[in-house]
Amino acid sequence: MTATKTMTEVRAVADAIRLHDRFVVTTHENPDGDALGSLLATTIALRSLGKDAVMYISGDTPLPGEYGFLDLSDLERTPPDDLGERVLLAVDCASERRI
């Protein structure tokens, strides 16, 4: 990937965040520490910008216990009712099929 293409993609993400107010933030299946940390940090950042952000991970597999110190108390395990009205922001996820 070229630097120009990377910057274009970064700008596109920044524009989407700037232009929209409602997000659903997710990560890959069976999340590990970096996925959960990225999920939480992104949600906190969006909320600090005044955005409405929902954390969502599909399925009911328990989260790894060693990450219990992360405040994931408002993590949703079912899609929000207004999912179609939110921008999907997937973090720490290399493949669309792993969401």
Protein backbone atom coordinates (compact mmCIF):
# COMPACT_ATOMS: atom_id res chain seq x y z
CA MET A 1 0.00 0.00 0.00
CA THR A 2 1.37 3.37 -0.91
CA ALA A 3 1.63 6.28 1.50
CA THR A 4 -0.79 8.28 -0.65
CA LYS A 5 -3.40 5.53 -0.57
CA THR A 6 -2.95 5.14 3.19
CA MET A 7 -3.44 8.88 3.77
CA THR A 8 -6.51 8.86 1.53
CA GLU A 9 -8.00 6.05 3.62
CA VAL A 10 -7.15 7.82 6.89
CA ARG A 11 -8.84 10.98 5.61
CA ALA A 12 -11.92 8.97 4.60
CA VAL A 13 -12.21 7.53 8.12
CA ALA A 14 -11.66 10.96 9.70
CA ASP A 15 -14.33 12.45 7.40
CA ALA A 16 -16.81 9.71 8.33
CA ILE A 17 -16.21 10.38 12.01
CA ARG A 18 -16.52 14.12 11.54
CA LEU A 19 -19.69 13.92 9.42
CA HIS A 20 -21.66 11.35 11.43
CA ASP A 21 -22.93 11.30 14.98
CA ARG A 22 -23.98 7.70 15.63
CA PHE A 23 -21.63 4.71 15.55
CA VAL A 24 -21.52 1.04 16.41
CA VAL A 25 -17.96 -0.01 17.26
CA THR A 26 -17.02 -3.66 16.96
CA THR A 27 -14.03 -5.95 16.66
CA HIS A 28 -13.23 -9.49 15.61
CA GLU A 29 -14.78 -12.68 16.96
CA ASN A 30 -13.22 -14.14 20.11
CA PRO A 31 -11.55 -10.83 20.98
CA ASP A 32 -8.18 -10.70 22.69
CA GLY A 33 -6.68 -7.88 24.73
CA ASP A 34 -5.71 -5.62 21.86
CA ALA A 35 -9.16 -6.01 20.29
CA LEU A 36 -10.95 -5.20 23.54
CA GLY A 37 -8.61 -2.30 24.27
CA SER A 38 -9.11 -0.90 20.77
CA LEU A 39 -12.88 -1.29 21.11
CA LEU A 40 -12.96 0.56 24.42
CA ALA A 41 -10.48 3.28 23.42
CA THR A 42 -12.31 4.02 20.17
CA THR A 43 -15.64 4.21 21.97
CA ILE A 44 -14.21 6.56 24.61
CA ALA A 45 -12.66 8.75 21.89
CA LEU A 46 -15.92 8.96 19.94
CA ARG A 47 -17.89 9.81 23.07
CA SER A 48 -15.38 12.50 24.00
CA LEU A 49 -16.15 14.07 20.61
CA GLY A 50 -19.84 14.11 21.53
CA LYS A 51 -20.71 11.11 19.36
CA ASP A 52 -23.24 8.42 20.24
CA ALA A 53 -21.17 5.22 20.22
CA VAL A 54 -22.31 1.70 21.08
CA MET A 55 -19.82 -1.13 21.68
CA TYR A 56 -20.96 -4.41 20.15
CA ILE A 57 -19.50 -7.91 19.90
CA SER A 58 -21.59 -10.69 18.41
CA GLY A 59 -22.16 -14.02 20.08
CA ASP A 60 -22.18 -15.10 23.68
CA THR A 61 -18.65 -16.43 24.11
CA PRO A 62 -17.35 -15.14 27.45
CA LEU A 63 -14.67 -12.48 27.27
CA PRO A 64 -11.21 -13.46 28.54
CA GLY A 65 -11.15 -13.00 32.32
CA GLU A 66 -7.73 -11.36 32.40
CA TYR A 67 -9.27 -8.27 30.79
CA GLY A 68 -11.91 -7.82 33.47
CA PHE A 69 -10.26 -4.55 34.51
CA LEU A 70 -11.49 -2.93 31.27
CA ASP A 71 -14.79 -1.10 31.71
CA LEU A 72 -16.89 -2.98 29.21
CA SER A 73 -20.04 -2.73 31.33
CA ASP A 74 -22.08 -1.26 28.48
CA LEU A 75 -20.88 -3.75 25.87
CA GLU A 76 -23.81 -5.00 23.78
CA ARG A 77 -23.96 -8.65 22.75
CA THR A 78 -26.95 -8.18 20.43
CA PRO A 79 -27.07 -5.58 17.66
CA PRO A 80 -28.64 -2.28 18.68
CA ASP A 81 -32.19 -1.75 17.41
CA ASP A 82 -31.03 1.22 15.34
CA LEU A 83 -28.07 -0.59 13.76
CA GLY A 84 -29.08 0.47 10.24
CA GLU A 85 -28.86 4.13 11.28
CA ARG A 86 -25.31 3.88 12.66
CA VAL A 87 -21.89 3.93 11.01
CA LEU A 88 -20.05 0.65 11.56
CA LEU A 89 -16.50 1.13 12.80
CA ALA A 90 -14.57 -2.14 13.06
CA VAL A 91 -11.27 -2.00 14.96
CA ASP A 92 -8.43 -4.52 15.16
CA CYS A 93 -10.12 -6.64 12.51
CA ALA A 94 -8.16 -7.71 9.45
CA SER A 95 -11.04 -9.47 7.73
CA GLU A 96 -14.68 -8.54 7.23
CA ARG A 97 -15.75 -12.14 7.80
CA ARG A 98 -14.27 -12.11 11.33
CA ILE A 99 -16.62 -9.35 12.51
